[in-house]
Protein backbone atom coordinates (compact mmCIF):
# COMPACT_ATOMS: atom_id res chain seq x y z
CA MET A 1 159.84 64.07 85.78
CA LYS A 2 162.30 66.62 85.27
CA ASN A 3 162.54 68.72 81.88
CA PHE A 4 165.31 66.76 80.50
CA SER A 5 167.38 63.58 80.58
CA ILE A 6 170.85 62.90 81.33
CA GLY A 7 173.46 60.60 79.32
CA VAL A 8 176.84 59.53 81.03
CA ILE A 9 179.31 58.37 78.95
CA GLY A 10 181.89 56.56 80.87
CA ALA A 11 181.30 54.72 83.97
CA GLY A 12 184.42 55.45 86.39
CA ALA A 13 183.65 56.64 89.47
CA ILE A 14 183.01 60.21 88.49
CA GLY A 15 180.72 59.33 86.13
CA LEU A 16 178.99 56.79 88.35
CA ALA A 17 178.97 59.13 91.14
CA PHE A 18 177.17 62.09 89.36
CA ALA A 19 174.63 59.40 87.61
CA LYS A 20 173.28 58.13 90.81
CA GLN A 21 173.04 61.82 92.44
CA ALA A 22 171.28 62.84 89.17
CA ALA A 23 168.93 59.94 89.50
CA ALA A 24 168.30 60.31 93.28
CA ALA A 25 167.23 64.19 92.11
CA GLY A 26 164.55 62.58 90.14
CA TYR A 27 166.58 62.76 86.88
CA GLN A 28 166.27 60.12 83.88
CA VAL A 29 169.56 59.05 83.28
CA ILE A 30 171.26 56.66 81.38
CA VAL A 31 174.82 55.55 82.19
CA SER A 32 177.25 53.59 79.60
CA ASN A 33 180.64 52.45 78.89
CA SER A 34 182.83 50.58 76.77
CA ARG A 35 182.27 46.80 77.79
CA GLY A 36 178.37 47.05 77.18
CA PRO A 37 175.40 47.75 78.84
CA GLU A 38 175.89 44.22 80.55
CA SER A 39 178.43 44.75 82.56
CA LEU A 40 176.71 47.70 84.32
CA GLN A 41 173.31 45.88 85.16
CA SER A 42 174.45 45.11 88.78
CA THR A 43 175.52 48.83 89.23
CA VAL A 44 172.20 50.06 88.30
CA ALA A 45 169.79 47.33 89.83
CA GLY A 46 167.81 48.84 91.94
CA ILE A 47 168.79 52.29 91.70
CA GLU A 48 165.14 54.09 90.50
CA ASN A 49 166.06 56.27 87.23
CA LEU A 50 168.99 54.87 86.61
CA THR A 51 169.63 52.80 83.58
CA ALA A 52 172.47 51.05 81.29
CA GLY A 53 173.00 51.68 77.92
CA THR A 54 175.13 52.45 74.96
CA ALA A 55 177.04 55.15 74.11
CA GLN A 56 174.75 56.07 71.78
CA ASP A 57 171.78 55.24 73.93
CA SER A 58 173.68 57.74 76.59
CA ALA A 59 174.44 60.72 73.96
CA LYS A 60 170.26 60.37 72.88
CA ALA A 61 169.74 62.40 76.30
CA ASP A 62 169.50 65.90 76.53
CA VAL A 63 172.65 66.64 78.69
CA VAL A 64 175.31 64.07 78.29
CA MET A 65 178.20 63.85 80.57
CA VAL A 66 181.77 62.87 79.12
CA ALA A 67 183.37 61.12 81.84
CA LEU A 68 186.63 59.51 80.18
CA THR A 69 190.41 59.02 81.28
CA TRP A 70 192.45 61.96 79.94
CA LYS A 71 194.12 59.22 77.69
CA GLN A 72 190.73 57.35 76.75
CA LEU A 73 189.42 61.12 75.12
CA ALA A 74 192.64 61.73 73.59
CA GLU A 75 192.55 58.39 71.88
CA ASN A 76 189.02 58.17 71.12
CA ALA A 77 187.11 61.04 70.94
CA LYS A 78 186.15 60.19 67.11
CA LEU A 79 184.61 57.38 68.18
CA LEU A 80 181.99 59.25 70.47
CA PRO A 81 178.77 59.62 69.05
CA ASP A 82 177.65 62.77 67.54
CA LEU A 83 177.25 65.39 70.17
CA THR A 84 176.48 68.75 68.02
CA ASP A 85 174.31 71.01 69.77
CA LYS A 86 173.95 68.95 73.25
CA ILE A 87 174.90 70.27 76.46
CA VAL A 88 178.21 68.23 77.45
CA LEU A 89 179.64 67.92 80.61
CA ASP A 90 183.36 67.91 81.61
CA PRO A 91 184.68 66.58 84.52
CA MET A 92 188.15 65.58 82.82
CA ASN A 93 191.20 66.40 84.75
CA PRO A 94 194.40 66.25 81.85
CA VAL A 95 196.41 63.84 83.68
CA ILE A 96 197.52 60.72 82.03
CA MET A 97 197.93 57.41 84.19
CA PRO A 98 200.43 55.61 85.35
CA GLY A 99 202.81 58.48 86.16
CA PHE A 100 200.77 61.29 86.75
CA ILE A 101 202.00 62.85 82.99
CA ILE A 102 200.50 66.43 82.21
CA PRO A 103 200.18 67.10 78.60
CA ASP A 104 200.84 70.05 77.28
CA LEU A 105 197.91 72.17 76.41
CA GLY A 106 200.01 75.06 75.36
CA GLU A 107 197.73 78.23 76.08
CA ARG A 108 194.53 76.32 76.21
CA THR A 109 191.98 75.02 79.43
CA SER A 110 191.83 71.42 79.40
CA SER A 111 188.12 72.30 78.71
CA GLN A 112 188.73 74.61 75.44
CA VAL A 113 190.97 71.28 74.23
CA VAL A 114 187.80 69.01 75.06
CA ALA A 115 185.71 71.61 73.36
CA SER A 116 187.91 71.26 70.13
CA LEU A 117 187.43 67.43 70.22
CA ILE A 118 183.74 67.46 70.77
CA PRO A 119 183.40 69.81 67.88
CA GLY A 120 179.78 71.80 68.50
CA SER A 121 178.59 70.61 71.62
CA ARG A 122 177.80 73.06 74.20
CA LEU A 123 180.63 72.28 77.08
CA VAL A 124 180.46 72.89 80.57
CA LYS A 125 183.01 72.36 82.98
CA ILE A 126 181.95 70.87 85.98
CA PHE A 127 182.44 68.47 88.93
CA ASN A 128 185.82 67.78 88.59
CA THR A 129 187.14 69.69 91.72
CA LEU A 130 185.33 67.47 94.12
CA PRO A 131 186.49 63.82 94.79
CA PRO A 132 183.55 60.93 93.93
CA PRO A 133 182.90 59.99 97.17
CA LEU A 134 181.61 64.04 97.98
CA ILE A 135 180.03 64.25 94.61
CA LEU A 136 177.87 61.04 95.96
CA ALA A 137 177.40 61.90 99.35
CA ASN A 138 174.43 63.97 100.91
CA PRO A 139 175.05 67.39 99.45
CA LYS A 140 172.89 69.00 102.38
CA GLN A 141 175.80 69.52 105.00
CA ALA A 142 176.11 72.02 108.20
CA ASN A 143 172.74 73.73 107.42
CA GLY A 144 174.09 74.74 103.79
CA SER A 145 174.42 72.98 100.63
CA ARG A 146 178.25 71.91 99.10
CA VAL A 147 179.25 74.16 96.46
CA VAL A 148 179.96 72.78 93.09
CA PHE A 149 182.02 75.25 90.59
CA TYR A 150 180.92 75.63 86.78
CA SER A 151 182.04 77.69 83.79
CA GLY A 152 181.15 77.78 79.96
CA ASP A 153 180.85 79.89 76.99
CA ASP A 154 177.21 78.91 76.44
CA VAL A 155 174.99 81.12 78.47
CA ALA A 156 171.82 78.98 78.04
CA ALA A 157 173.74 76.07 78.63
CA LYS A 158 175.06 77.09 82.40
CA ARG A 159 171.63 78.40 83.11
CA VAL A 160 170.38 74.31 82.40
CA VAL A 161 173.27 73.14 84.29
CA GLY A 162 172.66 75.59 87.26
CA GLU A 163 168.68 74.05 87.53
CA LEU A 164 170.49 70.73 87.18
CA VAL A 165 172.83 71.25 90.21
CA THR A 166 170.22 73.15 92.43
CA ASP A 167 167.82 70.17 92.07
CA MET A 168 170.86 67.74 93.20
CA GLY A 169 170.62 70.25 96.21
CA PHE A 170 174.34 71.55 95.69
CA ALA A 171 175.02 75.52 95.71
CA GLY A 172 176.42 76.32 92.07
CA ILE A 173 178.54 78.72 91.43
CA ASP A 174 179.25 79.83 87.98
CA LEU A 175 183.06 80.92 87.08
CA GLY A 176 182.41 82.72 83.47
CA GLY A 177 184.11 81.26 80.76
CA LEU A 178 186.23 78.12 79.73
CA GLY A 179 189.15 80.40 79.47
CA THR A 180 189.14 82.19 82.78
CA GLY A 181 186.68 80.12 84.83
CA GLY A 182 188.21 76.84 83.52
CA ARG A 183 191.61 77.62 84.20
CA LEU A 184 190.47 78.03 88.00
CA GLN A 185 188.54 74.93 88.05
CA GLN A 186 191.48 72.88 86.19
CA PHE A 187 193.57 70.58 88.14
CA PRO A 188 196.54 70.23 88.20
CA GLY A 189 197.10 74.49 88.25
CA GLY A 190 193.96 75.96 89.32
CA SER A 191 193.41 77.12 93.02
CA LEU A 192 189.78 75.33 93.29
CA PRO A 193 189.86 71.57 93.28
CA SER A 194 190.07 69.30 96.35
CA LEU A 195 188.15 72.65 97.83
CA ASN A 196 184.87 71.32 100.27
CA LEU A 197 182.92 73.75 100.15
CA ILE A 198 179.46 74.71 102.19
CA LYS A 199 177.24 77.57 100.79
CA LEU A 200 174.98 78.96 103.64
C-alpha cells in the first residue's frame, strides 16, 4: 500500500491514462465523471487498485487530479468539491473545442488561472505535455525513463508529486513555479508540449 491515495475528477483520455498508470504503480485510485460511477464500471473492471466513484469520493483522496476540458472547468469550477489544502494535479490545456479557441488569460499562465478557480488548493501542473497514449505506455524506454515535467508554487506538494512520478516509472523534472515553469509547459505557446524525452 502506498503512502497516499489518488482521486481523478474527469474520466477523459488523460484522466484515465494517468489513473491506470498510478493504479499499476500500486496507488489506490478513485476515478469519477459527470455521469456517475455506474458509467465507469466497464472501464475499471479487472484493473487492480482502480475503482469508480463520485467526484466527492475522488476529492477525499490525498492527491486529486482535475482533468476536465477547459470549457468544463470554466463553467463548472464552482460545482467541484472542496479541494482546500489538497494537492491538485492540473493536466489541462487552455483550448476550447470545437474550433480550437484559445481564451485570453491576460498575463497569467493557465495553471495560475486554474489555481484561482480552485482556491486553497496546492496546485501542480503536470501530464499536460504528453498525449494520453504516452502517459499510458511503459515509461521505461531505451534503458531510461520517459520525462514528465511539473511545476508549482508549493514546494512540499511538488515533493509528493515527485515521489508519485518516480513510483510510476517516469523521470520527473521540476521546472519551478507556475509563473515560469507553467509557461514552459503551457499548450499552446510553451516550448515543452509534445516533446517525448527519455532520461538515461
